[in-house]
């Protein structure tokens, strides 16, 4: 795989499975890049009951919470 000419930062994708295989994929969060400088680096996530997804950041030493409203 060739390196990108333009940095895009990091992404967190939602992958829906069907029959044990990826059926669809959509971007849930992206960024963490300011020009050439990495502001954060998502390292791990945990799926909690409901619609909350905490994401740890091993660069900034933070935890972010990603949530959504159903039907939007």
N, C-alpha and C. Protein backbone atom coordinates (compact mmCIF):
# COMPACT_ATOMS: atom_id res chain seq x y z
N UNK A 1 0.84 -1.17 0.00
CA UNK A 1 0.00 0.00 0.00
C UNK A 1 0.89 1.24 0.00
N UNK A 2 0.65 2.13 -0.92
CA UNK A 2 1.44 3.36 -1.05
C UNK A 2 1.03 4.37 0.02
N UNK A 3 1.97 5.16 0.53
CA UNK A 3 1.62 6.19 1.52
C UNK A 3 0.77 7.29 0.89
N UNK A 4 -0.05 7.92 1.69
CA UNK A 4 -0.89 9.03 1.21
C UNK A 4 -0.03 10.27 1.03
N UNK A 5 -0.37 11.07 0.05
CA UNK A 5 0.35 12.33 -0.15
C UNK A 5 -0.17 13.41 0.80
N UNK A 6 -1.43 13.27 1.25
CA UNK A 6 -2.02 14.22 2.18
C UNK A 6 -2.50 13.46 3.41
N UNK A 7 -2.08 13.91 4.58
CA UNK A 7 -2.53 13.26 5.81
C UNK A 7 -4.01 13.50 6.02
N UNK A 8 -4.70 12.49 6.56
CA UNK A 8 -6.14 12.61 6.80
C UNK A 8 -6.50 12.53 8.28
N UNK A 9 -5.56 12.20 9.13
CA UNK A 9 -5.86 12.05 10.55
C UNK A 9 -6.32 10.64 10.84
N UNK A 10 -7.11 10.49 11.89
CA UNK A 10 -7.60 9.18 12.31
C UNK A 10 -9.09 9.11 12.11
N UNK A 11 -9.59 7.89 11.94
CA UNK A 11 -11.02 7.69 11.74
C UNK A 11 -11.51 6.55 12.61
N UNK A 12 -12.75 6.67 13.02
CA UNK A 12 -13.45 5.59 13.69
C UNK A 12 -14.64 5.27 12.80
N UNK A 13 -14.72 4.03 12.36
CA UNK A 13 -15.81 3.61 11.48
C UNK A 13 -16.74 2.65 12.19
N UNK A 14 -18.02 2.76 11.87
CA UNK A 14 -19.03 1.81 12.33
C UNK A 14 -19.18 0.77 11.22
N UNK A 15 -18.92 -0.47 11.54
CA UNK A 15 -19.05 -1.56 10.57
C UNK A 15 -20.19 -2.46 11.03
N UNK A 16 -21.20 -2.60 10.20
CA UNK A 16 -22.34 -3.47 10.51
C UNK A 16 -22.06 -4.85 9.92
N UNK A 17 -22.32 -5.87 10.73
CA UNK A 17 -22.06 -7.24 10.29
C UNK A 17 -23.37 -7.93 9.93
N UNK A 18 -23.28 -8.80 8.95
CA UNK A 18 -24.41 -9.63 8.56
C UNK A 18 -23.83 -11.00 8.23
N UNK A 19 -24.25 -12.00 8.97
CA UNK A 19 -23.75 -13.35 8.72
C UNK A 19 -22.25 -13.47 8.95
N UNK A 20 -21.71 -12.69 9.88
CA UNK A 20 -20.29 -12.76 10.19
C UNK A 20 -19.39 -12.00 9.22
N UNK A 21 -19.98 -11.25 8.28
CA UNK A 21 -19.21 -10.49 7.29
C UNK A 21 -19.65 -9.02 7.32
N UNK A 22 -18.74 -8.14 6.95
CA UNK A 22 -19.05 -6.71 6.89
C UNK A 22 -20.12 -6.45 5.84
N UNK A 23 -21.24 -5.88 6.25
CA UNK A 23 -22.33 -5.57 5.34
C UNK A 23 -22.31 -4.11 4.92
N UNK A 24 -21.84 -3.23 5.83
CA UNK A 24 -21.74 -1.81 5.50
C UNK A 24 -20.74 -1.17 6.45
N UNK A 25 -20.27 0.00 6.05
CA UNK A 25 -19.32 0.75 6.86
C UNK A 25 -19.61 2.23 6.71
N UNK A 26 -19.58 2.96 7.82
CA UNK A 26 -19.77 4.41 7.75
C UNK A 26 -18.86 5.08 8.77
N UNK A 27 -18.38 6.25 8.42
CA UNK A 27 -17.52 7.03 9.30
C UNK A 27 -18.32 7.55 10.48
N UNK A 28 -17.81 7.32 11.69
CA UNK A 28 -18.48 7.80 12.90
C UNK A 28 -17.79 9.03 13.47
N UNK A 29 -16.47 9.08 13.35
CA UNK A 29 -15.69 10.22 13.84
C UNK A 29 -14.40 10.27 13.04
N UNK A 30 -13.89 11.49 12.82
CA UNK A 30 -12.64 11.64 12.09
C UNK A 30 -11.94 12.90 12.53
N UNK A 31 -10.71 13.05 12.09
CA UNK A 31 -9.98 14.28 12.39
C UNK A 31 -8.77 14.02 13.25
N UNK A 32 -8.72 14.73 14.35
CA UNK A 32 -7.60 14.67 15.28
C UNK A 32 -6.29 15.06 14.61
N UNK A 33 -6.39 15.90 13.59
CA UNK A 33 -5.22 16.35 12.86
C UNK A 33 -5.39 17.82 12.54
N UNK A 34 -4.38 18.61 12.83
CA UNK A 34 -4.39 20.04 12.55
C UNK A 34 -3.20 20.33 11.65
N UNK A 35 -3.42 20.35 10.35
CA UNK A 35 -2.32 20.50 9.40
C UNK A 35 -1.43 19.28 9.43
N UNK A 36 -0.19 19.44 9.82
CA UNK A 36 0.75 18.32 9.94
C UNK A 36 0.86 17.83 11.38
N UNK A 37 0.15 18.50 12.31
CA UNK A 37 0.27 18.20 13.73
C UNK A 37 -0.88 17.31 14.19
N UNK A 38 -0.54 16.20 14.85
CA UNK A 38 -1.55 15.29 15.41
C UNK A 38 -1.96 15.81 16.77
N UNK A 39 -3.21 16.19 16.91
CA UNK A 39 -3.69 16.72 18.19
C UNK A 39 -4.09 15.62 19.15
N UNK A 40 -4.51 14.49 18.63
CA UNK A 40 -4.95 13.36 19.44
C UNK A 40 -4.77 12.08 18.65
N UNK A 41 -4.86 10.96 19.36
CA UNK A 41 -4.74 9.67 18.67
C UNK A 41 -5.66 8.67 19.37
N UNK A 42 -6.83 8.38 18.77
CA UNK A 42 -7.73 7.41 19.38
C UNK A 42 -7.06 6.04 19.42
N UNK A 43 -7.11 5.41 20.60
CA UNK A 43 -6.38 4.16 20.79
C UNK A 43 -7.28 2.96 21.06
N UNK A 44 -8.37 3.16 21.77
CA UNK A 44 -9.23 2.04 22.13
C UNK A 44 -10.64 2.57 22.36
N UNK A 45 -11.61 1.71 22.22
CA UNK A 45 -12.98 2.11 22.48
C UNK A 45 -13.72 0.99 23.17
N UNK A 46 -14.85 1.32 23.76
CA UNK A 46 -15.65 0.37 24.50
C UNK A 46 -17.10 0.63 24.16
N UNK A 47 -17.84 -0.42 23.82
CA UNK A 47 -19.25 -0.24 23.52
C UNK A 47 -20.04 -0.41 24.81
N UNK A 48 -20.75 0.64 25.21
CA UNK A 48 -21.57 0.60 26.40
C UNK A 48 -23.03 0.37 26.00
N UNK A 49 -23.86 -0.09 26.94
CA UNK A 49 -25.29 -0.24 26.62
C UNK A 49 -25.87 1.11 26.20
N UNK A 50 -26.77 1.08 25.28
CA UNK A 50 -27.38 2.32 24.79
C UNK A 50 -26.62 2.87 23.60
N UNK A 51 -26.39 4.17 23.60
CA UNK A 51 -25.80 4.81 22.42
C UNK A 51 -24.51 5.56 22.74
N UNK A 52 -23.78 5.12 23.75
CA UNK A 52 -22.56 5.81 24.15
C UNK A 52 -21.34 4.96 23.84
N UNK A 53 -20.31 5.60 23.27
CA UNK A 53 -19.08 4.91 22.88
C UNK A 53 -17.89 5.72 23.39
N UNK A 54 -17.30 5.35 24.54
CA UNK A 54 -16.11 6.07 25.01
C UNK A 54 -14.88 5.65 24.20
N UNK A 55 -14.06 6.65 23.84
CA UNK A 55 -12.85 6.42 23.06
C UNK A 55 -11.67 7.00 23.82
N UNK A 56 -10.66 6.17 24.10
CA UNK A 56 -9.48 6.68 24.81
C UNK A 56 -8.50 7.28 23.81
N UNK A 57 -7.79 8.29 24.26
CA UNK A 57 -6.83 9.01 23.43
C UNK A 57 -5.47 8.92 24.11
N UNK A 58 -4.55 8.16 23.53
CA UNK A 58 -3.25 7.98 24.19
C UNK A 58 -2.25 9.07 23.86
N UNK A 59 -2.64 10.06 23.08
CA UNK A 59 -1.76 11.20 22.79
C UNK A 59 -2.09 12.37 23.72
N UNK A 60 -3.38 12.66 23.86
CA UNK A 60 -3.82 13.80 24.68
C UNK A 60 -4.16 13.38 26.11
N UNK A 61 -4.19 12.06 26.38
CA UNK A 61 -4.54 11.59 27.72
C UNK A 61 -5.97 11.90 28.08
N UNK A 62 -6.88 11.70 27.14
CA UNK A 62 -8.28 12.05 27.35
C UNK A 62 -9.18 10.87 26.98
N UNK A 63 -10.43 10.96 27.38
CA UNK A 63 -11.45 10.01 26.95
C UNK A 63 -12.59 10.83 26.37
N UNK A 64 -12.99 10.50 25.15
CA UNK A 64 -14.09 11.18 24.46
C UNK A 64 -15.30 10.25 24.48
N UNK A 65 -16.48 10.85 24.48
CA UNK A 65 -17.70 10.06 24.41
C UNK A 65 -18.41 10.39 23.11
N UNK A 66 -18.60 9.38 22.30
CA UNK A 66 -19.33 9.54 21.05
C UNK A 66 -20.74 9.00 21.28
N UNK A 67 -21.75 9.78 20.91
CA UNK A 67 -23.12 9.32 21.04
C UNK A 67 -23.91 9.83 19.84
N UNK A 68 -25.07 9.27 19.66
CA UNK A 68 -25.92 9.70 18.55
C UNK A 68 -27.37 9.64 18.99
N UNK A 69 -28.20 10.32 18.23
CA UNK A 69 -29.64 10.29 18.47
C UNK A 69 -30.26 9.43 17.39
N UNK A 70 -30.97 8.41 17.79
CA UNK A 70 -31.62 7.51 16.83
C UNK A 70 -32.61 8.30 15.98
N UNK A 71 -32.69 7.95 14.72
CA UNK A 71 -33.61 8.60 13.82
C UNK A 71 -33.10 9.84 13.15
N UNK A 72 -31.85 10.22 13.42
CA UNK A 72 -31.29 11.43 12.81
C UNK A 72 -30.28 11.08 11.78
